[in-house]
């Protein structure tokens, strides 16, 4: 919620070297019950989002060849760049996991919900 302060843990979710360009990793953050997607869409970019569709909570999938995040339940499509809704019924963007690069570590440090 906007205006609410929430403290999130800093958690190493991957090593940069373990995820080639065009690949992804599924991880949990901030707790084990919260599935997320870590994407490496281009050489200099890592992004992460909740893996739960904002429409009916189905798991979303990364489609590198189409450069999109897709929900197979009702055809929702999200932007890799910012998690925004590109098509389908989802009412909101995917929550974005804030990442920091610390050496070779990719560290989740927060969640941005819009």
PDB file of N, CA and C in Angstrom:
ATOM      1  N   UNK A   1       0.834  -1.179   0.000  1.00  0.00           N
ATOM      2  CA  UNK A   1       0.000   0.000   0.000  1.00  0.00           C
ATOM      3  C   UNK A   1       0.873   1.235   0.000  1.00  0.00           C
ATOM      4  N   UNK A   2       0.472   2.229  -0.740  1.00  0.00           N
ATOM      5  CA  UNK A   2       1.221   3.458  -0.759  1.00  0.00           C
ATOM      6  C   UNK A   2       1.115   4.131   0.592  1.00  0.00           C
ATOM      7  N   UNK A   3       2.216   4.712   1.045  1.00  0.00           N
ATOM      8  CA  UNK A   3       2.209   5.376   2.327  1.00  0.00           C
ATOM      9  C   UNK A   3       2.536   4.451   3.482  1.00  0.00           C
ATOM     10  N   UNK A   4       2.513   3.149   3.272  1.00  0.00           N
ATOM     11  CA  UNK A   4       2.835   2.204   4.324  1.00  0.00           C
ATOM     12  C   UNK A   4       4.314   1.857   4.249  1.00  0.00           C
ATOM     13  N   UNK A   5       4.936   1.780   5.392  1.00  0.00           N
ATOM     14  CA  UNK A   5       6.342   1.410   5.443  1.00  0.00           C
ATOM     15  C   UNK A   5       6.426  -0.076   5.768  1.00  0.00           C
ATOM     16  N   UNK A   6       7.190  -0.793   4.983  1.00  0.00           N
ATOM     17  CA  UNK A   6       7.352  -2.220   5.203  1.00  0.00           C
ATOM     18  C   UNK A   6       8.817  -2.555   5.065  1.00  0.00           C
ATOM     19  N   UNK A   7       9.317  -3.327   5.980  1.00  0.00           N
ATOM     20  CA  UNK A   7      10.721  -3.721   5.930  1.00  0.00           C
ATOM     21  C   UNK A   7      10.830  -5.113   5.313  1.00  0.00           C
ATOM     22  N   UNK A   8      11.672  -5.220   4.297  1.00  0.00           N
ATOM     23  CA  UNK A   8      11.883  -6.499   3.632  1.00  0.00           C
ATOM     24  C   UNK A   8      13.294  -6.990   3.898  1.00  0.00           C
ATOM     25  N   UNK A   9      13.471  -8.309   3.954  1.00  0.00           N
ATOM     26  CA  UNK A   9      14.815  -8.843   4.174  1.00  0.00           C
ATOM     27  C   UNK A   9      15.672  -8.714   2.910  1.00  0.00           C
ATOM     28  N   UNK A  10      16.975  -8.675   3.086  1.00  0.00           N
ATOM     29  CA  UNK A  10      17.914  -8.749   1.959  1.00  0.00           C
ATOM     30  C   UNK A  10      18.281 -10.218   1.808  1.00  0.00           C
ATOM     31  N   UNK A  11      17.955 -10.802   0.633  1.00  0.00           N
ATOM     32  CA  UNK A  11      18.157 -12.228   0.409  1.00  0.00           C
ATOM     33  C   UNK A  11      18.881 -12.434  -0.922  1.00  0.00           C
ATOM     34  N   UNK A  12      19.995 -13.156  -0.900  1.00  0.00           N
ATOM     35  CA  UNK A  12      20.670 -13.517  -2.140  1.00  0.00           C
ATOM     36  C   UNK A  12      19.792 -14.539  -2.853  1.00  0.00           C
ATOM     37  N   UNK A  13      19.342 -14.200  -4.076  1.00  0.00           N
ATOM     38  CA  UNK A  13      18.432 -15.091  -4.803  1.00  0.00           C
ATOM     39  C   UNK A  13      19.118 -15.816  -5.954  1.00  0.00           C
ATOM     40  N   UNK A  14      20.297 -15.333  -6.356  1.00  0.00           N
ATOM     41  CA  UNK A  14      21.027 -15.991  -7.450  1.00  0.00           C
ATOM     42  C   UNK A  14      22.419 -15.387  -7.568  1.00  0.00           C
ATOM     43  N   UNK A  15      23.238 -16.080  -8.333  1.00  0.00           N
ATOM     44  CA  UNK A  15      24.522 -15.562  -8.770  1.00  0.00           C
ATOM     45  C   UNK A  15      24.333 -15.107 -10.215  1.00  0.00           C
ATOM     46  N   UNK A  16      24.858 -13.943 -10.570  1.00  0.00           N
ATOM     47  CA  UNK A  16      24.706 -13.452 -11.945  1.00  0.00           C
ATOM     48  C   UNK A  16      25.194 -14.481 -12.957  1.00  0.00           C
ATOM     49  N   UNK A  17      26.274 -15.156 -12.629  1.00  0.00           N
ATOM     50  CA  UNK A  17      26.887 -16.106 -13.563  1.00  0.00           C
ATOM     51  C   UNK A  17      26.052 -17.361 -13.801  1.00  0.00           C
ATOM     52  N   UNK A  18      25.065 -17.634 -12.960  1.00  0.00           N
ATOM     53  CA  UNK A  18      24.266 -18.860 -13.125  1.00  0.00           C
ATOM     54  C   UNK A  18      23.084 -18.691 -14.072  1.00  0.00           C
ATOM     55  N   UNK A  19      22.799 -17.443 -14.500  1.00  0.00           N
ATOM     56  CA  UNK A  19      21.635 -17.204 -15.349  1.00  0.00           C
ATOM     57  C   UNK A  19      22.095 -16.554 -16.654  1.00  0.00           C
ATOM     58  N   UNK A  20      22.203 -17.329 -17.737  1.00  0.00           N
ATOM     59  CA  UNK A  20      22.612 -16.754 -19.022  1.00  0.00           C
ATOM     60  C   UNK A  20      21.553 -15.791 -19.570  1.00  0.00           C
ATOM     61  N   UNK A  21      21.957 -14.938 -20.496  1.00  0.00           N
ATOM     62  CA  UNK A  21      21.016 -14.029 -21.162  1.00  0.00           C
ATOM     63  C   UNK A  21      19.898 -14.866 -21.792  1.00  0.00           C
ATOM     64  N   UNK A  22      18.646 -14.436 -21.564  1.00  0.00           N
ATOM     65  CA  UNK A  22      17.482 -15.139 -22.096  1.00  0.00           C
ATOM     66  C   UNK A  22      16.952 -16.211 -21.164  1.00  0.00           C
ATOM     67  N   UNK A  23      17.640 -16.422 -20.052  1.00  0.00           N
ATOM     68  CA  UNK A  23      17.224 -17.461 -19.100  1.00  0.00           C
ATOM     69  C   UNK A  23      16.487 -16.824 -17.915  1.00  0.00           C
ATOM     70  N   UNK A  24      15.987 -17.684 -17.032  1.00  0.00           N
ATOM     71  CA  UNK A  24      15.263 -17.226 -15.851  1.00  0.00           C
ATOM     72  C   UNK A  24      15.521 -18.187 -14.704  1.00  0.00           C
ATOM     73  N   UNK A  25      15.125 -17.747 -13.527  1.00  0.00           N
ATOM     74  CA  UNK A  25      15.189 -18.601 -12.340  1.00  0.00           C
ATOM     75  C   UNK A  25      13.939 -18.324 -11.513  1.00  0.00           C
ATOM     76  N   UNK A  26      13.359 -19.374 -10.971  1.00  0.00           N
ATOM     77  CA  UNK A  26      12.241 -19.238 -10.039  1.00  0.00           C
ATOM     78  C   UNK A  26      12.823 -19.244  -8.627  1.00  0.00           C
ATOM     79  N   UNK A  27      12.363 -18.301  -7.813  1.00  0.00           N
ATOM     80  CA  UNK A  27      12.807 -18.228  -6.422  1.00  0.00           C
ATOM     81  C   UNK A  27      11.623 -17.759  -5.582  1.00  0.00           C
ATOM     82  N   UNK A  28      11.802 -17.713  -4.283  1.00  0.00           N
ATOM     83  CA  UNK A  28      10.746 -17.245  -3.383  1.00  0.00           C
ATOM     84  C   UNK A  28      11.228 -16.003  -2.643  1.00  0.00           C
ATOM     85  N   UNK A  29      10.313 -15.019  -2.492  1.00  0.00           N
ATOM     86  CA  UNK A  29      10.644 -13.803  -1.758  1.00  0.00           C
ATOM     87  C   UNK A  29       9.359 -13.046  -1.438  1.00  0.00           C
ATOM     88  N   UNK A  30       9.200 -12.494  -0.260  1.00  0.00           N
ATOM     89  CA  UNK A  30      10.136 -12.507   0.846  1.00  0.00           C
ATOM     90  C   UNK A  30      10.067 -13.775   1.696  1.00  0.00           C
ATOM     91  N   UNK A  31       9.042 -14.599   1.444  1.00  0.00           N
ATOM     92  CA  UNK A  31       8.914 -15.867   2.171  1.00  0.00           C
ATOM     93  C   UNK A  31       8.766 -17.007   1.180  1.00  0.00           C
ATOM     94  N   UNK A  32       8.884 -18.238   1.651  1.00  0.00           N
ATOM     95  CA  UNK A  32       8.800 -19.427   0.789  1.00  0.00           C
ATOM     96  C   UNK A  32       7.469 -19.544   0.056  1.00  0.00           C
ATOM     97  N   UNK A  33       6.420 -18.933   0.581  1.00  0.00           N
ATOM     98  CA  UNK A  33       5.091 -19.030  -0.042  1.00  0.00           C
ATOM     99  C   UNK A  33       4.890 -18.008  -1.158  1.00  0.00           C
ATOM    100  N   UNK A  34       5.923 -17.185  -1.454  1.00  0.00           N
ATOM    101  CA  UNK A  34       5.814 -16.124  -2.458  1.00  0.00           C
ATOM    102  C   UNK A  34       6.719 -16.414  -3.652  1.00  0.00           C
ATOM    103  N   UNK A  35       6.197 -17.129  -4.681  1.00  0.00           N
ATOM    104  CA  UNK A  35       7.030 -17.454  -5.846  1.00  0.00           C
ATOM    105  C   UNK A  35       7.306 -16.224  -6.711  1.00  0.00           C
ATOM    106  N   UNK A  36       8.524 -16.170  -7.232  1.00  0.00           N
ATOM    107  CA  UNK A  36       8.958 -15.043  -8.058  1.00  0.00           C
ATOM    108  C   UNK A  36       9.740 -15.548  -9.261  1.00  0.00           C
ATOM    109  N   UNK A  37       9.872 -14.674 -10.263  1.00  0.00           N
ATOM    110  CA  UNK A  37      10.667 -14.950 -11.460  1.00  0.00           C
ATOM    111  C   UNK A  37      11.812 -13.956 -11.533  1.00  0.00           C
ATOM    112  N   UNK A  38      13.021 -14.458 -11.707  1.00  0.00           N
ATOM    113  CA  UNK A  38      14.192 -13.625 -11.958  1.00  0.00           C
ATOM    114  C   UNK A  38      14.552 -13.802 -13.424  1.00  0.00           C
ATOM    115  N   UNK A  39      14.592 -12.703 -14.180  1.00  0.00           N
ATOM    116  CA  UNK A  39      14.821 -12.748 -15.622  1.00  0.00           C
ATOM    117  C   UNK A  39      16.132 -12.058 -15.976  1.00  0.00           C
ATOM    118  N   UNK A  40      16.781 -12.554 -17.019  1.00  0.00           N
ATOM    119  CA  UNK A  40      17.995 -11.935 -17.561  1.00  0.00           C
ATOM    120  C   UNK A  40      17.742 -11.673 -19.046  1.00  0.00           C
ATOM    121  N   UNK A  41      16.940 -10.637 -19.352  1.00  0.00           N
ATOM    122  CA  UNK A  41      16.516 -10.416 -20.733  1.00  0.00           C
ATOM    123  C   UNK A  41      17.609  -9.906 -21.678  1.00  0.00           C
ATOM    124  N   UNK A  42      18.605  -9.203 -21.146  1.00  0.00           N
ATOM    125  CA  UNK A  42      19.720  -8.767 -21.991  1.00  0.00           C
ATOM    126  C   UNK A  42      20.999  -8.696 -21.152  1.00  0.00           C
ATOM    127  N   UNK A  43      22.099  -8.449 -21.820  1.00  0.00           N
ATOM    128  CA  UNK A  43      23.422  -8.534 -21.187  1.00  0.00           C
ATOM    129  C   UNK A  43      23.543  -7.760 -19.880  1.00  0.00           C
ATOM    130  N   UNK A  44      22.948  -6.581 -19.796  1.00  0.00           N
ATOM    131  CA  UNK A  44      23.137  -5.715 -18.633  1.00  0.00           C
ATOM    132  C   UNK A  44      21.930  -5.626 -17.706  1.00  0.00           C
ATOM    133  N   UNK A  45      20.927  -6.472 -17.912  1.00  0.00           N
ATOM    134  CA  UNK A  45      19.680  -6.320 -17.170  1.00  0.00           C
ATOM    135  C   UNK A  45      19.259  -7.600 -16.451  1.00  0.00           C
ATOM    136  N   UNK A  46      18.938  -7.445 -15.185  1.00  0.00           N
ATOM    137  CA  UNK A  46      18.259  -8.480 -14.410  1.00  0.00           C
ATOM    138  C   UNK A  46      17.021  -7.816 -13.815  1.00  0.00           C
ATOM    139  N   UNK A  47      15.865  -8.460 -13.925  1.00  0.00           N
ATOM    140  CA  UNK A  47      14.625  -7.968 -13.321  1.00  0.00           C
ATOM    141  C   UNK A  47      13.931  -9.137 -12.648  1.00  0.00           C
ATOM    142  N   UNK A  48      13.106  -8.816 -11.656  1.00  0.00           N
ATOM    143  CA  UNK A  48      12.375  -9.876 -10.955  1.00  0.00           C
ATOM    144  C   UNK A  48      10.974  -9.389 -10.618  1.00  0.00           C
ATOM    145  N   UNK A  49      10.032 -10.321 -10.696  1.00  0.00           N
ATOM    146  CA  UNK A  49       8.625 -10.027 -10.425  1.00  0.00           C
ATOM    147  C   UNK A  49       7.994 -11.171  -9.641  1.00  0.00           C
ATOM    148  N   UNK A  50       6.870 -10.857  -9.003  1.00  0.00           N
ATOM    149  CA  UNK A  50       6.050 -11.912  -8.431  1.00  0.00           C
ATOM    150  C   UNK A  50       5.641 -12.844  -9.566  1.00  0.00           C
ATOM    151  N   UNK A  51       5.545 -14.125  -9.270  1.00  0.00           N
ATOM    152  CA  UNK A  51       5.135 -15.095 -10.290  1.00  0.00           C
ATOM    153  C   UNK A  51       3.617 -15.312 -10.274  1.00  0.00           C
ATOM    154  N   UNK A  52       2.907 -14.536  -9.482  1.00  0.00           N
ATOM    155  CA  UNK A  52       1.462 -14.704  -9.329  1.00  0.00           C
ATOM    156  C   UNK A  52       0.726 -13.640 -10.146  1.00  0.00           C
ATOM    157  N   UNK A  53      -0.055 -14.079 -11.126  1.00  0.00           N
ATOM    158  CA  UNK A  53      -0.814 -13.163 -11.974  1.00  0.00           C
ATOM    159  C   UNK A  53      -1.769 -12.335 -11.123  1.00  0.00           C
ATOM    160  N   UNK A  54      -1.900 -11.069 -11.465  1.00  0.00           N
ATOM    161  CA  UNK A  54      -2.779 -10.170 -10.717  1.00  0.00           C
ATOM    162  C   UNK A  54      -4.250 -10.345 -11.084  1.00  0.00           C
ATOM    163  N   UNK A  55      -4.552 -11.264 -11.994  1.00  0.00           N
ATOM    164  CA  UNK A  55      -5.942 -11.525 -12.378  1.00  0.00           C
ATOM    165  C   UNK A  55      -6.565 -12.574 -11.467  1.00  0.00           C
ATOM    166  N   UNK A  56      -6.118 -13.825 -11.577  1.00  0.00           N
ATOM    167  CA  UNK A  56      -6.703 -14.884 -10.741  1.00  0.00           C
ATOM    168  C   UNK A  56      -5.643 -15.726 -10.038  1.00  0.00           C
ATOM    169  N   UNK A  57      -4.463 -15.152  -9.865  1.00  0.00           N
ATOM    170  CA  UNK A  57      -3.373 -15.782  -9.098  1.00  0.00           C
ATOM    171  C   UNK A  57      -2.773 -17.036  -9.732  1.00  0.00           C
ATOM    172  N   UNK A  58      -2.900 -17.194 -11.038  1.00  0.00           N
ATOM    173  CA  UNK A  58      -2.235 -18.297 -11.736  1.00  0.00           C
ATOM    174  C   UNK A  58      -0.741 -17.985 -11.843  1.00  0.00           C
ATOM    175  N   UNK A  59       0.108 -19.013 -11.949  1.00  0.00           N
ATOM    176  CA  UNK A  59       1.531 -18.754 -12.124  1.00  0.00           C
ATOM    177  C   UNK A  59       1.838 -18.266 -13.543  1.00  0.00           C
ATOM    178  N   UNK A  60       2.650 -17.214 -13.633  1.00  0.00           N
ATOM    179  CA  UNK A  60       3.051 -16.685 -14.934  1.00  0.00           C
ATOM    180  C   UNK A  60       4.357 -17.326 -15.375  1.00  0.00           C
ATOM    181  N   UNK A  61       4.639 -17.236 -16.672  1.00  0.00           N
ATOM    182  CA  UNK A  61       5.822 -17.865 -17.270  1.00  0.00           C
ATOM    183  C   UNK A  61       6.570 -16.853 -18.130  1.00  0.00           C
ATOM    184  N   UNK A  62       7.890 -16.944 -18.117  1.00  0.00           N
ATOM    185  CA  UNK A  62       8.722 -16.089 -18.958  1.00  0.00           C
ATOM    186  C   UNK A  62       8.851 -16.725 -20.329  1.00  0.00           C
ATOM    187  N   UNK A  63       8.576 -15.941 -21.362  1.00  0.00           N
ATOM    188  CA  UNK A  63       8.738 -16.391 -22.738  1.00  0.00           C
ATOM    189  C   UNK A  63       9.805 -15.502 -23.379  1.00  0.00           C
ATOM    190  N   UNK A  64      11.059 -15.948 -23.268  1.00  0.00           N
ATOM    191  CA  UNK A  64      12.194 -15.152 -23.744  1.00  0.00           C
ATOM    192  C   UNK A  64      12.100 -14.847 -25.234  1.00  0.00           C
ATOM    193  N   UNK A  65      11.663 -15.828 -26.025  1.00  0.00           N
ATOM    194  CA  UNK A  65      11.592 -15.637 -27.477  1.00  0.00           C
ATOM    195  C   UNK A  65      10.617 -14.540 -27.867  1.00  0.00           C
ATOM    196  N   UNK A  66       9.602 -14.307 -27.054  1.00  0.00           N
ATOM    197  CA  UNK A  66       8.611 -13.252 -27.313  1.00  0.00           C
ATOM    198  C   UNK A  66       8.862 -12.020 -26.438  1.00  0.00           C
ATOM    199  N   UNK A  67       9.869 -12.085 -25.562  1.00  0.00           N
ATOM    200  CA  UNK A  67      10.198 -11.004 -24.629  1.00  0.00           C
ATOM    201  C   UNK A  67       8.966 -10.552 -23.847  1.00  0.00           C
ATOM    202  N   UNK A  68       8.317 -11.537 -23.219  1.00  0.00           N
ATOM    203  CA  UNK A  68       7.131 -11.223 -22.433  1.00  0.00           C
ATOM    204  C   UNK A  68       6.979 -12.203 -21.275  1.00  0.00           C
ATOM    205  N   UNK A  69       6.115 -11.835 -20.361  1.00  0.00           N
ATOM    206  CA  UNK A  69       5.708 -12.712 -19.264  1.00  0.00           C
ATOM    207  C   UNK A  69       4.245 -13.038 -19.551  1.00  0.00           C
ATOM    208  N   UNK A  70       3.927 -14.330 -19.560  1.00  0.00           N
ATOM    209  CA  UNK A  70       2.617 -14.791 -20.028  1.00  0.00           C
ATOM    210  C   UNK A  70       1.903 -15.579 -18.944  1.00  0.00           C
ATOM    211  N   UNK A  71       0.606 -15.337 -18.817  1.00  0.00           N
ATOM    212  CA  UNK A  71      -0.235 -16.135 -17.933  1.00  0.00           C
ATOM    213  C   UNK A  71      -1.120 -17.024 -18.799  1.00  0.00           C
ATOM    214  N   UNK A  72      -0.937 -18.346 -18.724  1.00  0.00           N
ATOM    215  CA  UNK A  72      -1.691 -19.252 -19.586  1.00  0.00           C
ATOM    216  C   UNK A  72      -3.160 -19.423 -19.189  1.00  0.00           C
ATOM    217  N   UNK A  73      -3.535 -19.007 -17.998  1.00  0.00           N
ATOM    218  CA  UNK A  73      -4.918 -19.239 -17.561  1.00  0.00           C
ATOM    219  C   UNK A  73      -5.942 -18.451 -18.380  1.00  0.00           C
ATOM    220  N   UNK A  74      -5.680 -17.158 -18.599  1.00  0.00           N
ATOM    221  CA  UNK A  74      -6.638 -16.319 -19.325  1.00  0.00           C
ATOM    222  C   UNK A  74      -5.962 -15.406 -20.337  1.00  0.00           C
ATOM    223  N   UNK A  75      -4.717 -15.708 -20.690  1.00  0.00           N
ATOM    224  CA  UNK A  75      -4.037 -14.964 -21.750  1.00  0.00           C
ATOM    225  C   UNK A  75      -3.457 -13.629 -21.353  1.00  0.00           C
ATOM    226  N   UNK A  76      -3.218 -13.420 -20.076  1.00  0.00           N
ATOM    227  CA  UNK A  76      -2.600 -12.171 -19.645  1.00  0.00           C
ATOM    228  C   UNK A  76      -1.158 -12.083 -20.122  1.00  0.00           C
ATOM    229  N   UNK A  77      -0.736 -10.884 -20.510  1.00  0.00           N
ATOM    230  CA  UNK A  77       0.628 -10.654 -20.971  1.00  0.00           C
ATOM    231  C   UNK A  77       1.181  -9.441 -20.233  1.00  0.00           C
ATOM    232  N   UNK A  78       2.406  -9.600 -19.715  1.00  0.00           N
ATOM    233  CA  UNK A  78       3.062  -8.540 -18.964  1.00  0.00           C
ATOM    234  C   UNK A  78       4.391  -8.174 -19.609  1.00  0.00           C
ATOM    235  N   UNK A  79       4.803  -6.925 -19.439  1.00  0.00           N
ATOM    236  CA  UNK A  79       6.071  -6.416 -19.950  1.00  0.00           C
ATOM    237  C   UNK A  79       7.236  -6.947 -19.121  1.00  0.00           C
ATOM    238  N   UNK A  80       8.285  -7.375 -19.804  1.00  0.00           N
ATOM    239  CA  UNK A  80       9.517  -7.776 -19.116  1.00  0.00           C
ATOM    240  C   UNK A  80      10.195  -6.542 -18.520  1.00  0.00           C
ATOM    241  N   UNK A  81      10.090  -5.406 -19.187  1.00  0.00           N
ATOM    242  CA  UNK A  81      10.785  -4.190 -18.758  1.00  0.00           C
ATOM    243  C   UNK A  81      10.290  -3.647 -17.421  1.00  0.00           C
ATOM    244  N   UNK A  82       8.957  -3.668 -17.220  1.00  0.00           N
ATOM    245  CA  UNK A  82       8.432  -3.051 -16.000  1.00  0.00           C
ATOM    246  C   UNK A  82       7.268  -3.795 -15.345  1.00  0.00           C
ATOM    247  N   UNK A  83       6.879  -4.947 -15.878  1.00  0.00           N
ATOM    248  CA  UNK A  83       5.789  -5.732 -15.295  1.00  0.00           C
ATOM    249  C   UNK A  83       4.400  -5.218 -15.621  1.00  0.00           C
ATOM    250  N   UNK A  84       4.296  -4.186 -16.460  1.00  0.00           N
ATOM    251  CA  UNK A  84       2.985  -3.618 -16.788  1.00  0.00           C
ATOM    252  C   UNK A  84       2.168  -4.593 -17.642  1.00  0.00           C
ATOM    253  N   UNK A  85       0.868  -4.414 -17.607  1.00  0.00           N
ATOM    254  CA  UNK A  85      -0.045  -5.259 -18.374  1.00  0.00           C
ATOM    255  C   UNK A  85      -0.017  -4.822 -19.840  1.00  0.00           C
ATOM    256  N   UNK A  86       0.254  -5.767 -20.731  1.00  0.00           N
ATOM    257  CA  UNK A  86       0.258  -5.496 -22.164  1.00  0.00           C
ATOM    258  C   UNK A  86      -1.002  -5.998 -22.847  1.00  0.00           C
ATOM    259  N   UNK A  87      -1.610  -7.051 -22.305  1.00  0.00           N
ATOM    260  CA  UNK A  87      -2.816  -7.620 -22.912  1.00  0.00           C
ATOM    261  C   UNK A  87      -3.539  -8.495 -21.895  1.00  0.00           C
ATOM    262  N   UNK A  88      -4.817  -8.714 -22.162  1.00  0.00           N
ATOM    263  CA  UNK A  88      -5.600  -9.634 -21.349  1.00  0.00           C
ATOM    264  C   UNK A  88      -6.264  -8.966 -20.164  1.00  0.00           C
ATOM    265  N   UNK A  89      -6.792  -9.801 -19.282  1.00  0.00           N
ATOM    266  CA  UNK A  89      -7.614  -9.294 -18.188  1.00  0.00           C
ATOM    267  C   UNK A  89      -6.905  -8.837 -16.903  1.00  0.00           C
ATOM    268  N   UNK A  90      -5.589  -9.027 -16.713  1.00  0.00           N
ATOM    269  CA  UNK A  90      -5.022  -8.615 -15.422  1.00  0.00           C
ATOM    270  C   UNK A  90      -5.278  -7.132 -15.128  1.00  0.00           C
ATOM    271  N   UNK A  91      -5.742  -6.818 -13.906  1.00  0.00           N
ATOM    272  CA  UNK A  91      -6.088  -5.445 -13.562  1.00  0.00           C
ATOM    273  C   UNK A  91      -4.899  -4.578 -13.148  1.00  0.00           C
ATOM    274  N   UNK A  92      -3.778  -5.198 -12.783  1.00  0.00           N
ATOM    275  CA  UNK A  92      -2.622  -4.467 -12.275  1.00  0.00           C
ATOM    276  C   UNK A  92      -1.331  -5.078 -12.794  1.00  0.00           C
ATOM    277  N   UNK A  93      -0.254  -4.293 -12.790  1.00  0.00           N
ATOM    278  CA  UNK A  93       1.061  -4.846 -13.136  1.00  0.00           C
ATOM    279  C   UNK A  93       1.484  -5.898 -12.115  1.00  0.00           C
ATOM    280  N   UNK A  94       2.469  -6.694 -12.487  1.00  0.00           N
ATOM    281  CA  UNK A  94       3.063  -7.636 -11.535  1.00  0.00           C
ATOM    282  C   UNK A  94       3.878  -6.858 -10.507  1.00  0.00           C
ATOM    283  N   UNK A  95       3.803  -7.221  -9.233  1.00  0.00           N
ATOM    284  CA  UNK A  95       4.690  -6.599  -8.252  1.00  0.00           C
ATOM    285  C   UNK A  95       6.154  -6.878  -8.629  1.00  0.00           C
ATOM    286  N   UNK A  96       6.965  -5.829  -8.568  1.00  0.00           N
ATOM    287  CA  UNK A  96       8.377  -5.951  -8.939  1.00  0.00           C
ATOM    288  C   UNK A  96       9.228  -6.157  -7.695  1.00  0.00           C
ATOM    289  N   UNK A  97      10.145  -7.094  -7.795  1.00  0.00           N
ATOM    290  CA  UNK A  97      11.091  -7.342  -6.710  1.00  0.00           C
ATOM    291  C   UNK A  97      12.291  -6.423  -6.941  1.00  0.00           C
ATOM    292  N   UNK A  98      12.627  -5.621  -5.961  1.00  0.00           N
ATOM    293  CA  UNK A  98      13.778  -4.727  -6.064  1.00  0.00           C
ATOM    294  C   UNK A  98      15.050  -5.550  -5.893  1.00  0.00           C
ATOM    295  N   UNK A  99      15.950  -5.428  -6.875  1.00  0.00           N
ATOM    296  CA  UNK A  99      17.206  -6.180  -6.859  1.00  0.00           C
ATOM    297  C   UNK A  99      18.396  -5.240  -6.700  1.00  0.00           C
ATOM    298  N   UNK A 100      19.409  -5.723  -6.027  1.00  0.00           N
ATOM    299  CA  UNK A 100      20.702  -5.059  -5.975  1.00  0.00           C
ATOM    300  C   UNK A 100      21.743  -6.059  -6.441  1.00  0.00           C
ATOM    301  N   UNK A 101      22.726  -5.571  -7.200  1.00  0.00           N
ATOM    302  CA  UNK A 101      23.853  -6.414  -7.597  1.00  0.00           C
ATOM    303  C   UNK A 101      25.000  -6.117  -6.646  1.00  0.00           C
ATOM    304  N   UNK A 102      25.444  -7.147  -5.948  1.00  0.00           N
ATOM    305  CA  UNK A 102      26.554  -7.030  -5.002  1.00  0.00           C
ATOM    306  C   UNK A 102      27.615  -8.024  -5.432  1.00  0.00           C
ATOM    307  N   UNK A 103      28.548  -7.540  -6.250  1.00  0.00           N
ATOM    308  CA  UNK A 103      29.521  -8.450  -6.836  1.00  0.00           C
ATOM    309  C   UNK A 103      28.794  -9.378  -7.785  1.00  0.00           C
ATOM    310  N   UNK A 104      28.950 -10.694  -7.586  1.00  0.00           N
ATOM    311  CA  UNK A 104      28.259 -11.679  -8.410  1.00  0.00           C
ATOM    312  C   UNK A 104      26.873 -12.034  -7.859  1.00  0.00           C
ATOM    313  N   UNK A 105      26.543 -11.524  -6.677  1.00  0.00           N
ATOM    314  CA  UNK A 105      25.260 -11.829  -6.041  1.00  0.00           C
ATOM    315  C   UNK A 105      24.146 -10.920  -6.548  1.00  0.00           C
ATOM    316  N   UNK A 106      22.977 -11.512  -6.782  1.00  0.00           N
ATOM    317  CA  UNK A 106      21.753 -10.757  -7.028  1.00  0.00           C
ATOM    318  C   UNK A 106      20.937 -10.857  -5.748  1.00  0.00           C
ATOM    319  N   UNK A 107      20.653  -9.715  -5.153  1.00  0.00           N
ATOM    320  CA  UNK A 107      20.046  -9.676  -3.840  1.00  0.00           C
ATOM    321  C   UNK A 107      18.676  -8.997  -3.919  1.00  0.00           C
ATOM    322  N   UNK A 108      17.638  -9.704  -3.479  1.00  0.00           N
ATOM    323  CA  UNK A 108      16.303  -9.126  -3.376  1.00  0.00           C
ATOM    324  C   UNK A 108      16.262  -8.305  -2.098  1.00  0.00           C
ATOM    325  N   UNK A 109      15.772  -7.051  -2.215  1.00  0.00           N
ATOM    326  CA  UNK A 109      15.763  -6.167  -1.050  1.00  0.00           C
ATOM    327  C   UNK A 109      14.401  -5.527  -0.786  1.00  0.00           C
ATOM    328  N   UNK A 110      13.423  -5.772  -1.671  1.00  0.00           N
ATOM    329  CA  UNK A 110      12.116  -5.174  -1.462  1.00  0.00           C
ATOM    330  C   UNK A 110      11.133  -5.531  -2.552  1.00  0.00           C
ATOM    331  N   UNK A 111       9.911  -5.030  -2.407  1.00  0.00           N
ATOM    332  CA  UNK A 111       8.844  -5.264  -3.369  1.00  0.00           C
ATOM    333  C   UNK A 111       8.165  -3.930  -3.670  1.00  0.00           C
ATOM    334  N   UNK A 112       7.959  -3.662  -4.961  1.00  0.00           N
ATOM    335  CA  UNK A 112       7.247  -2.449  -5.377  1.00  0.00           C
ATOM    336  C   UNK A 112       5.937  -2.889  -5.993  1.00  0.00           C
ATOM    337  N   UNK A 113       4.842  -2.452  -5.382  1.00  0.00           N
ATOM    338  CA  UNK A 113       3.508  -2.758  -5.915  1.00  0.00           C
ATOM    339  C   UNK A 113       2.920  -1.478  -6.456  1.00  0.00           C
ATOM    340  N   UNK A 114       2.360  -1.565  -7.666  1.00  0.00           N
ATOM    341  CA  UNK A 114       1.750  -0.361  -8.254  1.00  0.00           C
ATOM    342  C   UNK A 114       0.277  -0.565  -8.480  1.00  0.00           C
TER     343      UNK A 114
END
